Amino acid sequence: MTLHHLVREPKIILDKNPLLLLLHGYGSNEEDLFSFASELPEEYYVISARAPYDMGFGSYAWYAINFDADENKFSDIPQAQQSRDLIANFIDELFVNYPIDATNITLIGFSQGTILSYAVALSYPEKIQRVVAMSGYLNLEMVKPNFETNDFSNLKIFASHGTVDQVVPVDWARKAAPILTQLGIEVVYKEYPVGHGVAPQNFYDFMNWLQQ
């Protein structure tokens, strides 16, 4: 399979089980979000994917972040677009390898994993039903051209951010909801008084949202 991944099998076995696909942040790995796999609802397959770019020392990225002489950050857009399609293909591979319900797929992203989750969901809304977008932002350059014509009627998004996030400014995160709403996507957006991380309340809120 194209992406190295960890699997928590569902505790409640159905004919086909829904999937939570976890996408970690820049410089992290598949163990990171998988640490709360045991807390996630029992009817789901929980699969945590490792990003393709190896930064050494157990760190991986979905795309490079480069700095210019003035320390401005630039995302490597072509790499991000490749990772977007890699994730979309990986989801297809998962259907072949596990008894997963193709009509019940949730992406859970953190930081760079959120940026990719948005890009995958907007590019391939026929594959994704829900996105939990934590501590990231929407970068439309990473989405497939003419995505606006896609059918988003089955897509729902839970986005959240820390108000004192020093890695991804909260202002960047706030821009997503109006754009998504305009596309006709149902969005819940919440903020928590934390930095670049997942507050316990954030975790409970998205869990409740998932189970509605």
C-alpha atoms as a PDB file:
ATOM      1  CA  MET A   1       0.000   0.000   0.000  1.00  0.00           C
ATOM      2  CA  THR A   2       1.210   3.479  -0.815  1.00  0.00           C
ATOM      3  CA  LEU A   3       1.266   4.930   2.723  1.00  0.00           C
ATOM      4  CA  HIS A   4       2.665   3.295   5.841  1.00  0.00           C
ATOM      5  CA  HIS A   5      -0.141   3.224   8.426  1.00  0.00           C
ATOM      6  CA  LEU A   6      -1.343   1.956  11.798  1.00  0.00           C
ATOM      7  CA  VAL A   7      -4.723   0.263  12.221  1.00  0.00           C
ATOM      8  CA  ARG A   8      -7.117  -0.058  15.123  1.00  0.00           C
ATOM      9  CA  GLU A   9      -9.760  -2.557  14.136  1.00  0.00           C
ATOM     10  CA  PRO A  10     -13.351  -1.808  15.126  1.00  0.00           C
ATOM     11  CA  LYS A  11     -14.550  -3.389  18.374  1.00  0.00           C
ATOM     12  CA  ILE A  12     -18.074  -3.601  16.975  1.00  0.00           C
ATOM     13  CA  ILE A  13     -17.958  -5.537  13.708  1.00  0.00           C
ATOM     14  CA  LEU A  14     -20.464  -4.601  11.017  1.00  0.00           C
ATOM     15  CA  ASP A  15     -20.687  -5.896   7.421  1.00  0.00           C
ATOM     16  CA  LYS A  16     -18.729  -2.790   6.493  1.00  0.00           C
ATOM     17  CA  ASN A  17     -17.367  -0.438   9.123  1.00  0.00           C
ATOM     18  CA  PRO A  18     -16.943   3.327   8.870  1.00  0.00           C
ATOM     19  CA  LEU A  19     -13.420   4.777   8.720  1.00  0.00           C
ATOM     20  CA  LEU A  20     -11.607   7.509  10.628  1.00  0.00           C
ATOM     21  CA  LEU A  21      -8.423   8.348   8.723  1.00  0.00           C
ATOM     22  CA  LEU A  22      -5.926  10.313  10.830  1.00  0.00           C
ATOM     23  CA  LEU A  23      -3.508  12.701   9.095  1.00  0.00           C
ATOM     24  CA  HIS A  24      -0.713  14.083  11.290  1.00  0.00           C
ATOM     25  CA  GLY A  25       1.034  17.451  11.182  1.00  0.00           C
ATOM     26  CA  TYR A  26       4.377  18.605   9.768  1.00  0.00           C
ATOM     27  CA  GLY A  27       7.396  16.962  11.384  1.00  0.00           C
ATOM     28  CA  SER A  28       5.316  14.383  13.222  1.00  0.00           C
ATOM     29  CA  ASN A  29       4.379  10.778  12.378  1.00  0.00           C
ATOM     30  CA  GLU A  30       1.538   8.244  12.389  1.00  0.00           C
ATOM     31  CA  GLU A  31       1.982   7.502  16.127  1.00  0.00           C
ATOM     32  CA  ASP A  32       0.989  11.039  17.083  1.00  0.00           C
ATOM     33  CA  LEU A  33      -2.781  11.130  16.517  1.00  0.00           C
ATOM     34  CA  PHE A  34      -2.978   7.338  16.881  1.00  0.00           C
ATOM     35  CA  SER A  35      -2.290   7.837  20.595  1.00  0.00           C
ATOM     36  CA  PHE A  36      -5.986   8.667  21.087  1.00  0.00           C
ATOM     37  CA  ALA A  37      -7.265   5.832  18.849  1.00  0.00           C
ATOM     38  CA  SER A  38      -8.491   3.888  21.888  1.00  0.00           C
ATOM     39  CA  GLU A  39     -10.777   6.813  22.799  1.00  0.00           C
ATOM     40  CA  LEU A  40     -12.480   6.898  19.397  1.00  0.00           C
ATOM     41  CA  PRO A  41     -15.896   5.299  18.757  1.00  0.00           C
ATOM     42  CA  GLU A  42     -15.779   1.488  18.687  1.00  0.00           C
ATOM     43  CA  GLU A  43     -17.598   0.937  15.406  1.00  0.00           C
ATOM     44  CA  TYR A  44     -14.866   2.683  13.380  1.00  0.00           C
ATOM     45  CA  TYR A  45     -11.752   1.462  11.696  1.00  0.00           C
ATOM     46  CA  VAL A  46      -9.142   3.964  12.902  1.00  0.00           C
ATOM     47  CA  ILE A  47      -6.233   4.233  10.484  1.00  0.00           C
ATOM     48  CA  SER A  48      -3.353   6.638  10.952  1.00  0.00           C
ATOM     49  CA  ALA A  49      -1.253   7.348   7.857  1.00  0.00           C
ATOM     50  CA  ARG A  50       2.382   8.410   7.725  1.00  0.00           C
ATOM     51  CA  ALA A  51       3.173  11.332   5.424  1.00  0.00           C
ATOM     52  CA  PRO A  52       5.452  10.493   2.465  1.00  0.00           C
ATOM     53  CA  TYR A  53       8.351  12.931   2.975  1.00  0.00           C
ATOM     54  CA  ASP A  54      10.953  11.672   5.454  1.00  0.00           C
ATOM     55  CA  MET A  55      12.622  14.470   7.419  1.00  0.00           C
ATOM     56  CA  GLY A  56      14.703  12.047   9.527  1.00  0.00           C
ATOM     57  CA  PHE A  57      14.465  11.215  13.249  1.00  0.00           C
ATOM     58  CA  GLY A  58      10.920   9.862  12.916  1.00  0.00           C
ATOM     59  CA  SER A  59       9.607  13.111  11.427  1.00  0.00           C
ATOM     60  CA  TYR A  60       7.516  13.224   8.255  1.00  0.00           C
ATOM     61  CA  ALA A  61       5.777  15.877   6.173  1.00  0.00           C
ATOM     62  CA  TRP A  62       2.982  15.964   3.595  1.00  0.00           C
ATOM     63  CA  TYR A  63       4.902  18.716   1.804  1.00  0.00           C
ATOM     64  CA  ALA A  64       7.990  20.829   2.394  1.00  0.00           C
ATOM     65  CA  ILE A  65       7.847  24.233   4.035  1.00  0.00           C
ATOM     66  CA  ASN A  66      10.618  26.499   2.735  1.00  0.00           C
ATOM     67  CA  PHE A  67      11.874  29.800   4.112  1.00  0.00           C
ATOM     68  CA  ASP A  68      13.245  32.735   2.130  1.00  0.00           C
ATOM     69  CA  ALA A  69      15.963  35.164   3.274  1.00  0.00           C
ATOM     70  CA  ASP A  70      13.404  37.151   5.276  1.00  0.00           C
ATOM     71  CA  GLU A  71      12.138  33.976   6.962  1.00  0.00           C
ATOM     72  CA  ASN A  72       8.826  34.060   5.104  1.00  0.00           C
ATOM     73  CA  LYS A  73       7.321  30.576   4.902  1.00  0.00           C
ATOM     74  CA  PHE A  74       6.361  29.021   1.584  1.00  0.00           C
ATOM     75  CA  SER A  75       4.445  25.793   1.144  1.00  0.00           C
ATOM     76  CA  ASP A  76       5.621  23.498  -1.651  1.00  0.00           C
ATOM     77  CA  ILE A  77       2.318  23.489  -3.550  1.00  0.00           C
ATOM     78  CA  PRO A  78       3.209  20.768  -6.133  1.00  0.00           C
ATOM     79  CA  GLN A  79       4.248  18.420  -3.294  1.00  0.00           C
ATOM     80  CA  ALA A  80       1.014  19.211  -1.451  1.00  0.00           C
ATOM     81  CA  GLN A  81      -1.012  18.432  -4.586  1.00  0.00           C
ATOM     82  CA  GLN A  82       0.846  15.111  -4.955  1.00  0.00           C
ATOM     83  CA  SER A  83       0.095  14.234  -1.334  1.00  0.00           C
ATOM     84  CA  ARG A  84      -3.558  15.174  -1.864  1.00  0.00           C
ATOM     85  CA  ASP A  85      -3.854  12.631  -4.671  1.00  0.00           C
ATOM     86  CA  LEU A  86      -1.756  10.095  -2.762  1.00  0.00           C
ATOM     87  CA  ILE A  87      -4.265  10.246   0.135  1.00  0.00           C
ATOM     88  CA  ALA A  88      -7.219   9.931  -2.273  1.00  0.00           C
ATOM     89  CA  ASN A  89      -5.620   6.820  -3.843  1.00  0.00           C
ATOM     90  CA  PHE A  90      -4.736   5.438  -0.404  1.00  0.00           C
ATOM     91  CA  ILE A  91      -8.425   5.615   0.562  1.00  0.00           C
ATOM     92  CA  ASP A  92      -9.261   3.500  -2.517  1.00  0.00           C
ATOM     93  CA  GLU A  93      -6.600   0.984  -1.463  1.00  0.00           C
ATOM     94  CA  LEU A  94      -8.105   0.790   2.025  1.00  0.00           C
ATOM     95  CA  PHE A  95     -11.468  -0.309   0.561  1.00  0.00           C
ATOM     96  CA  VAL A  96      -9.704  -3.191  -1.169  1.00  0.00           C
ATOM     97  CA  ASN A  97      -7.754  -4.254   1.924  1.00  0.00           C
ATOM     98  CA  TYR A  98     -10.275  -3.722   4.741  1.00  0.00           C
ATOM     99  CA  PRO A  99     -14.087  -4.144   4.989  1.00  0.00           C
ATOM    100  CA  ILE A 100     -14.648  -0.389   5.079  1.00  0.00           C
ATOM    101  CA  ASP A 101     -17.906   1.367   4.241  1.00  0.00           C
ATOM    102  CA  ALA A 102     -16.986   3.632   1.313  1.00  0.00           C
ATOM    103  CA  THR A 103     -19.967   5.866   2.087  1.00  0.00           C
ATOM    104  CA  ASN A 104     -18.787   6.639   5.622  1.00  0.00           C
ATOM    105  CA  ILE A 105     -15.295   8.148   5.576  1.00  0.00           C
ATOM    106  CA  THR A 106     -14.062  10.795   7.999  1.00  0.00           C
ATOM    107  CA  LEU A 107     -10.705  12.556   7.750  1.00  0.00           C
ATOM    108  CA  ILE A 108      -9.241  13.797  11.041  1.00  0.00           C
ATOM    109  CA  GLY A 109      -6.385  16.197  10.442  1.00  0.00           C
ATOM    110  CA  PHE A 110      -4.060  18.191  12.648  1.00  0.00           C
ATOM    111  CA  SER A 111      -2.150  21.224  11.318  1.00  0.00           C
ATOM    112  CA  GLN A 112      -0.596  20.195   7.966  1.00  0.00           C
ATOM    113  CA  GLY A 113      -2.851  17.135   8.086  1.00  0.00           C
ATOM    114  CA  THR A 114      -5.839  19.514   8.271  1.00  0.00           C
ATOM    115  CA  ILE A 115      -4.631  21.513   5.271  1.00  0.00           C
ATOM    116  CA  LEU A 116      -4.443  18.232   3.316  1.00  0.00           C
ATOM    117  CA  SER A 117      -7.826  17.051   4.648  1.00  0.00           C
ATOM    118  CA  TYR A 118      -9.461  20.198   3.265  1.00  0.00           C
ATOM    119  CA  ALA A 119      -7.674  19.720  -0.081  1.00  0.00           C
ATOM    120  CA  VAL A 120      -8.743  16.052  -0.374  1.00  0.00           C
ATOM    121  CA  ALA A 121     -12.352  16.698   0.681  1.00  0.00           C
ATOM    122  CA  LEU A 122     -12.861  19.643  -1.674  1.00  0.00           C
ATOM    123  CA  SER A 123     -11.126  17.852  -4.573  1.00  0.00           C
ATOM    124  CA  TYR A 124     -12.838  14.469  -4.015  1.00  0.00           C
ATOM    125  CA  PRO A 125     -16.080  15.102  -2.079  1.00  0.00           C
ATOM    126  CA  GLU A 126     -17.498  11.844  -3.462  1.00  0.00           C
ATOM    127  CA  LYS A 127     -14.938   9.990  -1.296  1.00  0.00           C
ATOM    128  CA  ILE A 128     -15.227  11.969   1.958  1.00  0.00           C
ATOM    129  CA  GLN A 129     -18.317  12.496   4.130  1.00  0.00           C
ATOM    130  CA  ARG A 130     -16.804  14.323   7.110  1.00  0.00           C
ATOM    131  CA  VAL A 131     -13.684  16.261   8.031  1.00  0.00           C
ATOM    132  CA  VAL A 132     -12.396  17.133  11.497  1.00  0.00           C
ATOM    133  CA  ALA A 133     -10.011  20.019  10.782  1.00  0.00           C
ATOM    134  CA  MET A 134      -7.910  20.921  13.827  1.00  0.00           C
ATOM    135  CA  SER A 135      -5.302  23.690  14.000  1.00  0.00           C
ATOM    136  CA  GLY A 136      -4.991  24.127  10.239  1.00  0.00           C
ATOM    137  CA  TYR A 137      -6.301  26.343   7.465  1.00  0.00           C
ATOM    138  CA  LEU A 138      -7.781  26.175   3.982  1.00  0.00           C
ATOM    139  CA  ASN A 139      -5.283  26.647   1.133  1.00  0.00           C
ATOM    140  CA  LEU A 140      -7.235  26.696  -2.130  1.00  0.00           C
ATOM    141  CA  GLU A 141      -4.028  26.418  -4.203  1.00  0.00           C
ATOM    142  CA  MET A 142      -3.834  22.796  -3.058  1.00  0.00           C
ATOM    143  CA  VAL A 143      -7.348  21.947  -4.277  1.00  0.00           C
ATOM    144  CA  LYS A 144      -8.013  20.552  -7.760  1.00  0.00           C
ATOM    145  CA  PRO A 145      -8.878  23.164 -10.440  1.00  0.00           C
ATOM    146  CA  ASN A 146     -12.620  23.872 -10.915  1.00  0.00           C
ATOM    147  CA  PHE A 147     -13.428  22.220  -7.572  1.00  0.00           C
ATOM    148  CA  GLU A 148     -16.283  24.735  -7.135  1.00  0.00           C
ATOM    149  CA  THR A 149     -18.382  22.648  -9.540  1.00  0.00           C
ATOM    150  CA  ASN A 150     -18.161  19.556  -7.274  1.00  0.00           C
ATOM    151  CA  ASP A 151     -21.174  18.259  -5.351  1.00  0.00           C
ATOM    152  CA  PHE A 152     -20.621  19.010  -1.658  1.00  0.00           C
ATOM    153  CA  SER A 153     -24.115  18.052  -0.503  1.00  0.00           C
ATOM    154  CA  ASN A 154     -22.824  15.075   1.554  1.00  0.00           C
ATOM    155  CA  LEU A 155     -19.840  16.843   3.125  1.00  0.00           C
ATOM    156  CA  LYS A 156     -19.795  18.112   6.715  1.00  0.00           C
ATOM    157  CA  ILE A 157     -16.867  19.811   8.442  1.00  0.00           C
ATOM    158  CA  PHE A 158     -15.922  20.362  12.084  1.00  0.00           C
ATOM    159  CA  ALA A 159     -13.106  22.928  12.281  1.00  0.00           C
ATOM    160  CA  SER A 160     -11.354  24.059  15.441  1.00  0.00           C
ATOM    161  CA  HIS A 161      -8.412  26.215  16.436  1.00  0.00           C
ATOM    162  CA  GLY A 162      -6.517  27.533  19.428  1.00  0.00           C
ATOM    163  CA  THR A 163      -6.863  31.292  19.910  1.00  0.00           C
ATOM    164  CA  VAL A 164      -3.192  31.588  20.960  1.00  0.00           C
ATOM    165  CA  ASP A 165      -1.767  29.302  18.259  1.00  0.00           C
ATOM    166  CA  GLN A 166       1.703  30.640  17.373  1.00  0.00           C
ATOM    167  CA  VAL A 167       2.294  28.150  14.549  1.00  0.00           C
ATOM    168  CA  VAL A 168      -0.863  28.707  12.499  1.00  0.00           C
ATOM    169  CA  PRO A 169      -2.469  32.081  13.328  1.00  0.00           C
ATOM    170  CA  VAL A 170      -6.128  31.819  14.276  1.00  0.00           C
ATOM    171  CA  ASP A 171      -6.946  34.490  11.658  1.00  0.00           C
ATOM    172  CA  TRP A 172      -5.923  32.029   8.943  1.00  0.00           C
ATOM    173  CA  ALA A 173      -8.247  29.366  10.361  1.00  0.00           C
ATOM    174  CA  ARG A 174     -11.212  31.762  10.588  1.00  0.00           C
ATOM    175  CA  LYS A 175     -11.184  32.351   6.812  1.00  0.00           C
ATOM    176  CA  ALA A 176     -12.229  28.751   6.053  1.00  0.00           C
ATOM    177  CA  ALA A 177     -15.808  28.692   7.391  1.00  0.00           C
ATOM    178  CA  PRO A 178     -17.213  31.537   5.205  1.00  0.00           C
ATOM    179  CA  ILE A 179     -15.682  29.972   2.062  1.00  0.00           C
ATOM    180  CA  LEU A 180     -16.972  26.489   2.941  1.00  0.00           C
ATOM    181  CA  THR A 181     -20.428  27.824   3.791  1.00  0.00           C
ATOM    182  CA  GLN A 182     -20.546  29.602   0.441  1.00  0.00           C
ATOM    183  CA  LEU A 183     -19.853  26.230  -1.225  1.00  0.00           C
ATOM    184  CA  GLY A 184     -22.923  24.867   0.570  1.00  0.00           C
ATOM    185  CA  ILE A 185     -20.929  22.780   3.071  1.00  0.00           C
ATOM    186  CA  GLU A 186     -22.273  22.391   6.601  1.00  0.00           C
ATOM    187  CA  VAL A 187     -19.588  23.737   8.954  1.00  0.00           C
ATOM    188  CA  VAL A 188     -19.174  23.861  12.726  1.00  0.00           C
ATOM    189  CA  TYR A 189     -16.290  26.124  13.806  1.00  0.00           C
ATOM    190  CA  LYS A 190     -14.998  26.339  17.373  1.00  0.00           C
ATOM    191  CA  GLU A 191     -12.116  28.031  19.145  1.00  0.00           C
ATOM    192  CA  TYR A 192     -10.357  27.108  22.384  1.00  0.00           C
ATOM    193  CA  PRO A 193      -7.988  29.156  24.583  1.00  0.00           C
ATOM    194  CA  VAL A 194      -4.938  27.023  23.694  1.00  0.00           C
ATOM    195  CA  GLY A 195      -1.859  27.080  21.462  1.00  0.00           C
ATOM    196  CA  HIS A 196      -1.005  24.666  18.647  1.00  0.00           C
ATOM    197  CA  GLY A 197      -2.543  21.534  20.121  1.00  0.00           C
ATOM    198  CA  VAL A 198      -5.779  19.688  20.817  1.00  0.00           C
ATOM    199  CA  ALA A 199      -7.550  20.809  23.997  1.00  0.00           C
ATOM    200  CA  PRO A 200      -9.513  18.112  25.884  1.00  0.00           C
ATOM    201  CA  GLN A 201     -12.709  20.102  25.218  1.00  0.00           C
ATOM    202  CA  ASN A 202     -11.850  20.125  21.512  1.00  0.00           C
ATOM    203  CA  PHE A 203     -11.596  16.328  21.596  1.00  0.00           C
ATOM    204  CA  TYR A 204     -14.981  15.922  23.338  1.00  0.00           C
ATOM    205  CA  ASP A 205     -16.645  18.404  20.984  1.00  0.00           C
ATOM    206  CA  PHE A 206     -15.541  16.640  17.813  1.00  0.00           C
ATOM    207  CA  MET A 207     -16.431  13.245  19.297  1.00  0.00           C
ATOM    208  CA  ASN A 208     -19.960  14.483  20.029  1.00  0.00           C
ATOM    209  CA  TRP A 209     -20.147  15.960  16.532  1.00  0.00           C
ATOM    210  CA  LEU A 210     -19.067  12.610  15.013  1.00  0.00           C
ATOM    211  CA  GLN A 211     -21.734  10.704  16.902  1.00  0.00           C
ATOM    212  CA  GLN A 212     -24.622  13.014  16.002  1.00  0.00           C
END
